[in-house]
PDB file of all heavy atoms in Angstrom:
ATOM      1  N   ASN A   1      15.911  -7.982  27.891  1.00  0.00           N
ATOM      2  CA  ASN A   1      15.537  -8.248  29.317  1.00  0.00           C
ATOM      3  C   ASN A   1      15.520  -9.780  29.629  1.00  0.00           C
ATOM      4  O   ASN A   1      15.079 -10.137  30.664  1.00  0.00           O
ATOM      5  CB  ASN A   1      14.259  -7.551  29.699  1.00  0.00           C
ATOM      6  CG  ASN A   1      13.054  -8.053  28.897  1.00  0.00           C
ATOM      7  OD1 ASN A   1      13.180  -8.992  28.143  1.00  0.00           O
ATOM      8  ND2 ASN A   1      11.930  -7.413  29.076  1.00  0.00           N
ATOM      9  N   GLY A   2      15.968 -10.572  28.683  1.00  0.00           N
ATOM     10  CA  GLY A   2      16.076 -12.015  28.925  1.00  0.00           C
ATOM     11  C   GLY A   2      14.839 -12.825  28.649  1.00  0.00           C
ATOM     12  O   GLY A   2      14.825 -14.022  28.977  1.00  0.00           O
ATOM     13  N   THR A   3      13.832 -12.232  27.999  1.00  0.00           N
ATOM     14  CA  THR A   3      12.631 -12.992  27.633  1.00  0.00           C
ATOM     15  C   THR A   3      12.686 -13.255  26.158  1.00  0.00           C
ATOM     16  O   THR A   3      13.526 -12.781  25.407  1.00  0.00           O
ATOM     17  CB  THR A   3      11.381 -12.208  28.013  1.00  0.00           C
ATOM     18  OG1 THR A   3      11.356 -10.961  27.288  1.00  0.00           O
ATOM     19  CG2 THR A   3      11.283 -11.945  29.507  1.00  0.00           C
ATOM     20  N   ASN A   4      11.784 -14.069  25.701  1.00  0.00           N
ATOM     21  CA  ASN A   4      11.627 -14.408  24.291  1.00  0.00           C
ATOM     22  C   ASN A   4      12.919 -15.020  23.709  1.00  0.00           C
ATOM     23  O   ASN A   4      13.387 -14.607  22.680  1.00  0.00           O
ATOM     24  CB  ASN A   4      11.198 -13.197  23.473  1.00  0.00           C
ATOM     25  CG  ASN A   4       9.854 -12.690  23.931  1.00  0.00           C
ATOM     26  OD1 ASN A   4       8.967 -13.466  24.185  1.00  0.00           O
ATOM     27  ND2 ASN A   4       9.761 -11.371  24.065  1.00  0.00           N
ATOM     28  N   GLU A   5      13.454 -15.987  24.372  1.00  0.00           N
ATOM     29  CA  GLU A   5      14.650 -16.666  23.883  1.00  0.00           C
ATOM     30  C   GLU A   5      14.266 -17.561  22.695  1.00  0.00           C
ATOM     31  O   GLU A   5      13.271 -18.270  22.702  1.00  0.00           O
ATOM     32  CB  GLU A   5      15.261 -17.552  24.969  1.00  0.00           C
ATOM     33  CG  GLU A   5      16.594 -18.136  24.567  1.00  0.00           C
ATOM     34  CD  GLU A   5      17.250 -18.875  25.727  1.00  0.00           C
ATOM     35  OE1 GLU A   5      16.933 -20.074  25.906  1.00  0.00           O
ATOM     36  OE2 GLU A   5      18.018 -18.250  26.458  1.00  0.00           O
ATOM     37  N   THR A   6      15.072 -17.475  21.613  1.00  0.00           N
ATOM     38  CA  THR A   6      14.824 -18.242  20.409  1.00  0.00           C
ATOM     39  C   THR A   6      16.074 -18.977  20.013  1.00  0.00           C
ATOM     40  O   THR A   6      17.159 -18.403  20.018  1.00  0.00           O
ATOM     41  CB  THR A   6      14.446 -17.290  19.262  1.00  0.00           C
ATOM     42  OG1 THR A   6      13.295 -16.553  19.655  1.00  0.00           O
ATOM     43  CG2 THR A   6      14.122 -18.078  17.970  1.00  0.00           C
ATOM     44  N   LYS A   7      15.930 -20.241  19.702  1.00  0.00           N
ATOM     45  CA  LYS A   7      17.065 -21.025  19.220  1.00  0.00           C
ATOM     46  C   LYS A   7      17.161 -20.827  17.694  1.00  0.00           C
ATOM     47  O   LYS A   7      16.191 -21.070  16.956  1.00  0.00           O
ATOM     48  CB  LYS A   7      16.878 -22.518  19.517  1.00  0.00           C
ATOM     49  CG  LYS A   7      18.076 -23.360  19.239  1.00  0.00           C
ATOM     50  CD  LYS A   7      17.899 -24.766  19.801  1.00  0.00           C
ATOM     51  CE  LYS A   7      19.177 -25.552  19.672  1.00  0.00           C
ATOM     52  NZ  LYS A   7      19.028 -26.890  20.280  1.00  0.00           N
ATOM     53  N   LEU A   8      18.315 -20.356  17.214  1.00  0.00           N
ATOM     54  CA  LEU A   8      18.508 -20.051  15.782  1.00  0.00           C
ATOM     55  C   LEU A   8      19.186 -21.156  15.027  1.00  0.00           C
ATOM     56  O   LEU A   8      19.023 -21.245  13.825  1.00  0.00           O
ATOM     57  CB  LEU A   8      19.296 -18.776  15.666  1.00  0.00           C
ATOM     58  CG  LEU A   8      18.716 -17.542  16.363  1.00  0.00           C
ATOM     59  CD1 LEU A   8      19.671 -16.337  16.214  1.00  0.00           C
ATOM     60  CD2 LEU A   8      17.366 -17.227  15.793  1.00  0.00           C
ATOM     61  N   TRP A   9      19.962 -21.955  15.678  1.00  0.00           N
ATOM     62  CA  TRP A   9      20.703 -23.034  15.011  1.00  0.00           C
ATOM     63  C   TRP A   9      20.900 -24.141  16.022  1.00  0.00           C
ATOM     64  O   TRP A   9      21.096 -23.890  17.248  1.00  0.00           O
ATOM     65  CB  TRP A   9      22.031 -22.534  14.495  1.00  0.00           C
ATOM     66  CG  TRP A   9      22.760 -23.499  13.631  1.00  0.00           C
ATOM     67  CD1 TRP A   9      23.990 -24.027  13.911  1.00  0.00           C
ATOM     68  CD2 TRP A   9      22.424 -24.006  12.380  1.00  0.00           C
ATOM     69  NE1 TRP A   9      24.411 -24.838  12.911  1.00  0.00           N
ATOM     70  CE2 TRP A   9      23.441 -24.869  11.914  1.00  0.00           C
ATOM     71  CE3 TRP A   9      21.285 -23.849  11.527  1.00  0.00           C
ATOM     72  CZ2 TRP A   9      23.401 -25.546  10.714  1.00  0.00           C
ATOM     73  CZ3 TRP A   9      21.245 -24.523  10.330  1.00  0.00           C
ATOM     74  CH2 TRP A   9      22.273 -25.374   9.919  1.00  0.00           C
ATOM     75  N   TYR A  10      20.877 -25.353  15.632  1.00  0.00           N
ATOM     76  CA  TYR A  10      20.860 -26.501  16.554  1.00  0.00           C
ATOM     77  C   TYR A  10      22.203 -27.056  16.930  1.00  0.00           C
ATOM     78  O   TYR A  10      22.281 -27.975  17.756  1.00  0.00           O
ATOM     79  CB  TYR A  10      19.987 -27.589  15.964  1.00  0.00           C
ATOM     80  CG  TYR A  10      20.251 -27.922  14.527  1.00  0.00           C
ATOM     81  CD1 TYR A  10      21.268 -28.777  14.157  1.00  0.00           C
ATOM     82  CD2 TYR A  10      19.538 -27.321  13.518  1.00  0.00           C
ATOM     83  CE1 TYR A  10      21.529 -29.052  12.837  1.00  0.00           C
ATOM     84  CE2 TYR A  10      19.746 -27.590  12.186  1.00  0.00           C
ATOM     85  CZ  TYR A  10      20.775 -28.479  11.851  1.00  0.00           C
ATOM     86  OH  TYR A  10      20.998 -28.734  10.560  1.00  0.00           O
ATOM     87  N   ASN A  11      23.297 -26.546  16.364  1.00  0.00           N
ATOM     88  CA  ASN A  11      24.617 -27.062  16.741  1.00  0.00           C
ATOM     89  C   ASN A  11      25.402 -25.969  17.433  1.00  0.00           C
ATOM     90  O   ASN A  11      25.156 -24.773  17.206  1.00  0.00           O
ATOM     91  CB  ASN A  11      25.407 -27.479  15.494  1.00  0.00           C
ATOM     92  CG  ASN A  11      24.936 -28.760  14.904  1.00  0.00           C
ATOM     93  OD1 ASN A  11      24.486 -29.640  15.604  1.00  0.00           O
ATOM     94  ND2 ASN A  11      25.029 -28.887  13.589  1.00  0.00           N
ATOM     95  N   GLU A  12      26.366 -26.369  18.258  1.00  0.00           N
ATOM     96  CA  GLU A  12      27.272 -25.416  18.852  1.00  0.00           C
ATOM     97  C   GLU A  12      28.327 -25.070  17.783  1.00  0.00           C
ATOM     98  O   GLU A  12      29.057 -25.929  17.312  1.00  0.00           O
ATOM     99  CB  GLU A  12      27.943 -26.062  20.071  1.00  0.00           C
ATOM    100  CG  GLU A  12      29.007 -25.208  20.703  1.00  0.00           C
ATOM    101  CD  GLU A  12      29.772 -25.914  21.747  1.00  0.00           C
ATOM    102  OE1 GLU A  12      29.469 -27.113  22.033  1.00  0.00           O
ATOM    103  OE2 GLU A  12      30.689 -25.329  22.301  1.00  0.00           O
ATOM    104  N   GLU A  13      28.376 -23.853  17.393  1.00  0.00           N
ATOM    105  CA  GLU A  13      29.312 -23.425  16.366  1.00  0.00           C
ATOM    106  C   GLU A  13      30.423 -22.637  16.993  1.00  0.00           C
ATOM    107  O   GLU A  13      30.426 -22.342  18.163  1.00  0.00           O
ATOM    108  CB  GLU A  13      28.573 -22.591  15.306  1.00  0.00           C
ATOM    109  CG  GLU A  13      27.452 -23.377  14.602  1.00  0.00           C
ATOM    110  CD  GLU A  13      27.856 -24.693  13.949  1.00  0.00           C
ATOM    111  OE1 GLU A  13      29.050 -24.938  13.755  1.00  0.00           O
ATOM    112  OE2 GLU A  13      26.949 -25.472  13.630  1.00  0.00           O
ATOM    113  N   GLN A  14      31.403 -22.249  16.163  1.00  0.00           N
ATOM    114  CA  GLN A  14      32.615 -21.664  16.720  1.00  0.00           C
ATOM    115  C   GLN A  14      32.516 -20.116  16.847  1.00  0.00           C
ATOM    116  O   GLN A  14      33.040 -19.569  17.780  1.00  0.00           O
ATOM    117  CB  GLN A  14      33.814 -22.035  15.867  1.00  0.00           C
ATOM    118  CG  GLN A  14      34.074 -23.543  15.935  1.00  0.00           C
ATOM    119  CD  GLN A  14      34.994 -23.996  14.872  1.00  0.00           C
ATOM    120  OE1 GLN A  14      35.107 -23.394  13.795  1.00  0.00           O
ATOM    121  NE2 GLN A  14      35.723 -25.086  15.111  1.00  0.00           N
ATOM    122  N   HIS A  15      31.968 -19.482  15.879  1.00  0.00           N
ATOM    123  CA  HIS A  15      31.954 -17.998  15.853  1.00  0.00           C
ATOM    124  C   HIS A  15      30.638 -17.514  15.250  1.00  0.00           C
ATOM    125  O   HIS A  15      30.081 -18.165  14.385  1.00  0.00           O
ATOM    126  CB  HIS A  15      33.099 -17.459  15.073  1.00  0.00           C
ATOM    127  CG  HIS A  15      34.429 -17.802  15.595  1.00  0.00           C
ATOM    128  ND1 HIS A  15      34.980 -17.154  16.683  1.00  0.00           N
ATOM    129  CD2 HIS A  15      35.296 -18.774  15.274  1.00  0.00           C
ATOM    130  CE1 HIS A  15      36.158 -17.701  16.975  1.00  0.00           C
ATOM    131  NE2 HIS A  15      36.349 -18.682  16.100  1.00  0.00           N
ATOM    132  N   ILE A  16      30.201 -16.324  15.686  1.00  0.00           N
ATOM    133  CA  ILE A  16      29.043 -15.667  15.093  1.00  0.00           C
ATOM    134  C   ILE A  16      29.442 -14.229  14.802  1.00  0.00           C
ATOM    135  O   ILE A  16      30.281 -13.645  15.490  1.00  0.00           O
ATOM    136  CB  ILE A  16      27.784 -15.722  15.962  1.00  0.00           C
ATOM    137  CG1 ILE A  16      28.018 -15.122  17.326  1.00  0.00           C
ATOM    138  CG2 ILE A  16      27.276 -17.162  16.052  1.00  0.00           C
ATOM    139  CD1 ILE A  16      26.733 -15.071  18.184  1.00  0.00           C
ATOM    140  N   PHE A  17      28.792 -13.671  13.765  1.00  0.00           N
ATOM    141  CA  PHE A  17      29.031 -12.284  13.408  1.00  0.00           C
ATOM    142  C   PHE A  17      27.750 -11.822  12.709  1.00  0.00           C
ATOM    143  O   PHE A  17      27.109 -12.545  11.962  1.00  0.00           O
ATOM    144  CB  PHE A  17      30.170 -12.191  12.393  1.00  0.00           C
ATOM    145  CG  PHE A  17      30.469 -10.822  11.881  1.00  0.00           C
ATOM    146  CD1 PHE A  17      31.045  -9.885  12.696  1.00  0.00           C
ATOM    147  CD2 PHE A  17      30.149 -10.489  10.564  1.00  0.00           C
ATOM    148  CE1 PHE A  17      31.326  -8.599  12.243  1.00  0.00           C
ATOM    149  CE2 PHE A  17      30.435  -9.223  10.100  1.00  0.00           C
ATOM    150  CZ  PHE A  17      30.974  -8.240  10.942  1.00  0.00           C
ATOM    151  N   ILE A  18      27.306 -10.590  12.991  1.00  0.00           N
ATOM    152  CA  ILE A  18      26.104 -10.048  12.438  1.00  0.00           C
ATOM    153  C   ILE A  18      26.435  -8.806  11.634  1.00  0.00           C
ATOM    154  O   ILE A  18      27.123  -7.890  12.107  1.00  0.00           O
ATOM    155  CB  ILE A  18      25.032  -9.739  13.537  1.00  0.00           C
ATOM    156  CG1 ILE A  18      24.743 -11.006  14.341  1.00  0.00           C
ATOM    157  CG2 ILE A  18      23.812  -9.156  12.906  1.00  0.00           C
ATOM    158  CD1 ILE A  18      23.890 -10.761  15.533  1.00  0.00           C
ATOM    159  N   LYS A  19      25.929  -8.750  10.412  1.00  0.00           N
ATOM    160  CA  LYS A  19      26.137  -7.626   9.528  1.00  0.00           C
ATOM    161  C   LYS A  19      24.905  -7.480   8.633  1.00  0.00           C
ATOM    162  O   LYS A  19      24.429  -8.510   8.065  1.00  0.00           O
ATOM    163  CB  LYS A  19      27.392  -7.881   8.703  1.00  0.00           C
ATOM    164  CG  LYS A  19      27.664  -6.824   7.635  1.00  0.00           C
ATOM    165  CD  LYS A  19      28.986  -7.159   6.923  1.00  0.00           C
ATOM    166  CE  LYS A  19      28.802  -7.301   5.485  1.00  0.00           C
ATOM    167  NZ  LYS A  19      30.041  -7.462   4.746  1.00  0.00           N
ATOM    168  N   ASN A  20      24.355  -6.257   8.517  1.00  0.00           N
ATOM    169  CA  ASN A  20      23.229  -6.025   7.639  1.00  0.00           C
ATOM    170  C   ASN A  20      22.074  -6.985   7.847  1.00  0.00           C
ATOM    171  O   ASN A  20      21.556  -7.551   6.902  1.00  0.00           O
ATOM    172  CB  ASN A  20      23.680  -6.018   6.180  1.00  0.00           C
ATOM    173  CG  ASN A  20      24.694  -4.969   5.873  1.00  0.00           C
ATOM    174  OD1 ASN A  20      24.740  -3.908   6.506  1.00  0.00           O
ATOM    175  ND2 ASN A  20      25.554  -5.248   4.924  1.00  0.00           N
ATOM    176  N   ASN A  21      21.707  -7.201   9.115  1.00  0.00           N
ATOM    177  CA  ASN A  21      20.603  -8.041   9.493  1.00  0.00           C
ATOM    178  C   ASN A  21      20.781  -9.530   9.070  1.00  0.00           C
ATOM    179  O   ASN A  21      19.812 -10.260   8.922  1.00  0.00           O
ATOM    180  CB  ASN A  21      19.258  -7.500   8.972  1.00  0.00           C
ATOM    181  CG  ASN A  21      18.102  -7.879   9.902  1.00  0.00           C
ATOM    182  OD1 ASN A  21      18.257  -7.877  11.099  1.00  0.00           O
ATOM    183  ND2 ASN A  21      16.976  -8.244   9.309  1.00  0.00           N
ATOM    184  N   THR A  22      22.035  -9.932   8.916  1.00  0.00           N
ATOM    185  CA  THR A  22      22.325 -11.326   8.601  1.00  0.00           C
ATOM    186  C   THR A  22      23.289 -11.837   9.655  1.00  0.00           C
ATOM    187  O   THR A  22      24.305 -11.222   9.982  1.00  0.00           O
ATOM    188  CB  THR A  22      22.945 -11.426   7.198  1.00  0.00           C
ATOM    189  OG1 THR A  22      22.074 -10.912   6.236  1.00  0.00           O
ATOM    190  CG2 THR A  22      23.261 -12.884   6.884  1.00  0.00           C
ATOM    191  N   LEU A  23      22.964 -13.014  10.174  1.00  0.00           N
ATOM    192  CA  LEU A  23      23.798 -13.740  11.129  1.00  0.00           C
ATOM    193  C   LEU A  23      24.722 -14.675  10.336  1.00  0.00           C
ATOM    194  O   LEU A  23      24.241 -15.474   9.541  1.00  0.00           O
ATOM    195  CB  LEU A  23      22.964 -14.568  12.105  1.00  0.00           C
ATOM    196  CG  LEU A  23      23.686 -15.487  13.039  1.00  0.00           C
ATOM    197  CD1 LEU A  23      24.493 -14.714  14.091  1.00  0.00           C
ATOM    198  CD2 LEU A  23      22.746 -16.453  13.718  1.00  0.00           C
ATOM    199  N   TYR A  24      26.043 -14.550  10.508  1.00  0.00           N
ATOM    200  CA  TYR A  24      26.986 -15.440   9.895  1.00  0.00           C
ATOM    201  C   TYR A  24      27.620 -16.278  10.979  1.00  0.00           C
ATOM    202  O   TYR A  24      27.888 -15.791  12.048  1.00  0.00           O
ATOM    203  CB  TYR A  24      28.114 -14.634   9.161  1.00  0.00           C
ATOM    204  CG  TYR A  24      27.604 -13.795   8.058  1.00  0.00           C
ATOM    205  CD1 TYR A  24      27.242 -12.474   8.245  1.00  0.00           C
ATOM    206  CD2 TYR A  24      27.510 -14.327   6.768  1.00  0.00           C
ATOM    207  CE1 TYR A  24      26.743 -11.673   7.190  1.00  0.00           C
ATOM    208  CE2 TYR A  24      27.005 -13.540   5.707  1.00  0.00           C
ATOM    209  CZ  TYR A  24      26.638 -12.261   5.951  1.00  0.00           C
ATOM    210  OH  TYR A  24      26.201 -11.483   4.904  1.00  0.00           O
ATOM    211  N   PHE A  25      27.809 -17.544  10.695  1.00  0.00           N
ATOM    212  CA  PHE A  25      28.433 -18.408  11.682  1.00  0.00           C
ATOM    213  C   PHE A  25      29.233 -19.497  10.966  1.00  0.00           C
ATOM    214  O   PHE A  25      28.978 -19.828   9.809  1.00  0.00           O
ATOM    215  CB  PHE A  25      27.463 -18.995  12.694  1.00  0.00           C
ATOM    216  CG  PHE A  25      26.276 -19.716  12.083  1.00  0.00           C
ATOM    217  CD1 PHE A  25      26.272 -21.107  11.970  1.00  0.00           C
ATOM    218  CD2 PHE A  25      25.158 -19.028  11.646  1.00  0.00           C
ATOM    219  CE1 PHE A  25      25.196 -21.768  11.436  1.00  0.00           C
ATOM    220  CE2 PHE A  25      24.034 -19.705  11.133  1.00  0.00           C
ATOM    221  CZ  PHE A  25      24.060 -21.048  11.015  1.00  0.00           C
ATOM    222  N   CYS A  26      30.186 -20.046  11.649  1.00  0.00           N
ATOM    223  CA  CYS A  26      31.091 -21.063  11.110  1.00  0.00           C
ATOM    224  C   CYS A  26      31.047 -22.336  11.908  1.00  0.00           C
ATOM    225  O   CYS A  26      30.904 -22.331  13.109  1.00  0.00           O
ATOM    226  CB  CYS A  26      32.523 -20.543  11.167  1.00  0.00           C
ATOM    227  SG  CYS A  26      32.795 -19.039  10.265  1.00  0.00           S
ATOM    228  N   SER A  27      31.075 -23.435  11.139  1.00  0.00           N
ATOM    229  CA  SER A  27      31.306 -24.732  11.781  1.00  0.00           C
ATOM    230  C   SER A  27      32.742 -25.131  11.495  1.00  0.00           C
ATOM    231  O   SER A  27      33.546 -24.267  11.156  1.00  0.00           O
ATOM    232  CB  SER A  27      30.274 -25.754  11.250  1.00  0.00           C
ATOM    233  OG  SER A  27      30.599 -26.044   9.909  1.00  0.00           O
ATOM    234  N   VAL A  28      33.032 -26.381  11.527  1.00  0.00           N
ATOM    235  CA  VAL A  28      34.421 -26.825  11.336  1.00  0.00           C
ATOM    236  C   VAL A  28      34.992 -26.316   9.988  1.00  0.00           C
ATOM    237  O   VAL A  28      36.052 -25.755   9.982  1.00  0.00           O
ATOM    238  CB  VAL A  28      34.485 -28.363  11.414  1.00  0.00           C
ATOM    239  CG1 VAL A  28      35.886 -28.839  11.032  1.00  0.00           C
ATOM    240  CG2 VAL A  28      34.106 -28.829  12.794  1.00  0.00           C
ATOM    241  N   SER A  29      34.273 -26.486   8.917  1.00  0.00           N
ATOM    242  CA  SER A  29      34.816 -26.032   7.611  1.00  0.00           C
ATOM    243  C   SER A  29      33.777 -25.296   6.750  1.00  0.00           C
ATOM    244  O   SER A  29      34.082 -24.967   5.637  1.00  0.00           O
ATOM    245  CB  SER A  29      35.332 -27.265   6.846  1.00  0.00           C
ATOM    246  OG  SER A  29      34.252 -28.116   6.536  1.00  0.00           O
ATOM    247  N   ASP A  30      32.603 -25.003   7.285  1.00  0.00           N
ATOM    248  CA  ASP A  30      31.536 -24.362   6.518  1.00  0.00           C
ATOM    249  C   ASP A  30      31.201 -23.016   7.098  1.00  0.00           C
ATOM    250  O   ASP A  30      31.314 -22.786   8.291  1.00  0.00           O
ATOM    251  CB  ASP A  30      30.273 -25.235   6.541  1.00  0.00           C
ATOM    252  CG  ASP A  30      30.475 -26.584   5.936  1.00  0.00           C
ATOM    253  OD1 ASP A  30      31.181 -26.705   4.929  1.00  0.00           O
ATOM    254  OD2 ASP A  30      30.002 -27.562   6.516  1.00  0.00           O
ATOM    255  N   VAL A  31      30.743 -22.077   6.204  1.00  0.00           N
ATOM    256  CA  VAL A  31      30.307 -20.765   6.609  1.00  0.00           C
ATOM    257  C   VAL A  31      28.800 -20.667   6.240  1.00  0.00           C
ATOM    258  O   VAL A  31      28.435 -20.990   5.118  1.00  0.00           O
ATOM    259  CB  VAL A  31      31.098 -19.658   5.865  1.00  0.00           C
ATOM    260  CG1 VAL A  31      30.599 -18.274   6.299  1.00  0.00           C
ATOM    261  CG2 VAL A  31      32.584 -19.803   6.165  1.00  0.00           C
ATOM    262  N   TYR A  32      28.013 -20.255   7.172  1.00  0.00           N
ATOM    263  CA  TYR A  32      26.553 -20.183   7.013  1.00  0.00           C
ATOM    264  C   TYR A  32      26.066 -18.750   7.170  1.00  0.00           C
ATOM    265  O   TYR A  32      26.714 -17.924   7.867  1.00  0.00           O
ATOM    266  CB  TYR A  32      25.832 -21.044   8.062  1.00  0.00           C
ATOM    267  CG  TYR A  32      26.159 -22.497   7.963  1.00  0.00           C
ATOM    268  CD1 TYR A  32      27.173 -23.072   8.725  1.00  0.00           C
ATOM    269  CD2 TYR A  32      25.388 -23.321   7.138  1.00  0.00           C
ATOM    270  CE1 TYR A  32      27.441 -24.414   8.613  1.00  0.00           C
ATOM    271  CE2 TYR A  32      25.652 -24.690   7.049  1.00  0.00           C
ATOM    272  CZ  TYR A  32      26.664 -25.223   7.797  1.00  0.00           C
ATOM    273  OH  TYR A  32      26.948 -26.555   7.720  1.00  0.00           O
ATOM    274  N   SER A  33      24.896 -18.471   6.618  1.00  0.00           N
ATOM    275  CA  SER A  33      24.261 -17.141   6.846  1.00  0.00           C
ATOM    276  C   SER A  33      22.793 -17.357   7.053  1.00  0.00           C
ATOM    277  O   SER A  33      22.141 -18.233   6.441  1.00  0.00           O
ATOM    278  CB  SER A  33      24.489 -16.227   5.620  1.00  0.00           C
ATOM    279  OG  SER A  33      23.762 -16.673   4.513  1.00  0.00           O
ATOM    280  N   LEU A  34      22.218 -16.595   7.952  1.00  0.00           N
ATOM    281  CA  LEU A  34      20.817 -16.646   8.279  1.00  0.00           C
ATOM    282  C   LEU A  34      20.254 -15.235   8.282  1.00  0.00           C
ATOM    283  O   LEU A  34      20.706 -14.398   9.057  1.00  0.00           O
ATOM    284  CB  LEU A  34      20.595 -17.297   9.677  1.00  0.00           C
ATOM    285  CG  LEU A  34      19.164 -17.339  10.236  1.00  0.00           C
ATOM    286  CD1 LEU A  34      18.252 -18.183   9.314  1.00  0.00           C
ATOM    287  CD2 LEU A  34      19.171 -17.901  11.644  1.00  0.00           C
ATOM    288  N   ASP A  35      19.243 -14.962   7.462  1.00  0.00           N
ATOM    289  CA  ASP A  35      18.567 -13.680   7.405  1.00  0.00           C
ATOM    290  C   ASP A  35      17.751 -13.523   8.690  1.00  0.00           C
ATOM    291  O   ASP A  35      16.786 -14.250   8.908  1.00  0.00           O
ATOM    292  CB  ASP A  35      17.695 -13.587   6.179  1.00  0.00           C
ATOM    293  CG  ASP A  35      16.936 -12.272   6.028  1.00  0.00           C
ATOM    294  OD1 ASP A  35      17.012 -11.456   6.940  1.00  0.00           O
ATOM    295  OD2 ASP A  35      16.254 -12.096   4.996  1.00  0.00           O
ATOM    296  N   LEU A  36      18.095 -12.570   9.540  1.00  0.00           N
ATOM    297  CA  LEU A  36      17.422 -12.352  10.801  1.00  0.00           C
ATOM    298  C   LEU A  36      15.982 -11.821  10.599  1.00  0.00           C
ATOM    299  O   LEU A  36      15.158 -11.937  11.526  1.00  0.00           O
ATOM    300  CB  LEU A  36      18.227 -11.462  11.706  1.00  0.00           C
ATOM    301  CG  LEU A  36      19.579 -12.037  12.153  1.00  0.00           C
ATOM    302  CD1 LEU A  36      20.354 -11.024  12.921  1.00  0.00           C
ATOM    303  CD2 LEU A  36      19.376 -13.321  12.945  1.00  0.00           C
ATOM    304  N   GLY A  37      15.677 -11.299   9.427  1.00  0.00           N
ATOM    305  CA  GLY A  37      14.317 -10.903   9.114  1.00  0.00           C
ATOM    306  C   GLY A  37      13.348 -12.079   9.051  1.00  0.00           C
ATOM    307  O   GLY A  37      12.140 -11.859   9.176  1.00  0.00           O
ATOM    308  N   GLU A  38      13.891 -13.249   8.904  1.00  0.00           N
ATOM    309  CA  GLU A  38      13.036 -14.451   8.857  1.00  0.00           C
ATOM    310  C   GLU A  38      12.718 -15.014  10.219  1.00  0.00           C
ATOM    311  O   GLU A  38      11.939 -15.953  10.371  1.00  0.00           O
ATOM    312  CB  GLU A  38      13.704 -15.508   7.986  1.00  0.00           C
ATOM    313  CG  GLU A  38      13.876 -15.133   6.564  1.00  0.00           C
ATOM    314  CD  GLU A  38      14.566 -16.200   5.746  1.00  0.00           C
ATOM    315  OE1 GLU A  38      14.815 -17.288   6.277  1.00  0.00           O
ATOM    316  OE2 GLU A  38      14.876 -15.931   4.575  1.00  0.00           O
ATOM    317  N   VAL A  39      13.387 -14.509  11.256  1.00  0.00           N
ATOM    318  CA  VAL A  39      13.209 -15.016  12.580  1.00  0.00           C
ATOM    319  C   VAL A  39      12.032 -14.293  13.239  1.00  0.00           C
ATOM    320  O   VAL A  39      12.048 -13.088  13.451  1.00  0.00           O
ATOM    321  CB  VAL A  39      14.481 -14.830  13.457  1.00  0.00           C
ATOM    322  CG1 VAL A  39      14.260 -15.347  14.896  1.00  0.00           C
ATOM    323  CG2 VAL A  39      15.676 -15.548  12.802  1.00  0.00           C
TER     324      VAL A  39
END
């Protein structure tokens, strides 16, 4: 409903993908993962 906005990463990245409660995202040459259970 648009409430409780949370910033998960501080840079504008190119792509995001979520699988098994993990957020994956890419920067120029790096691939990152963030466990959404920690948010």
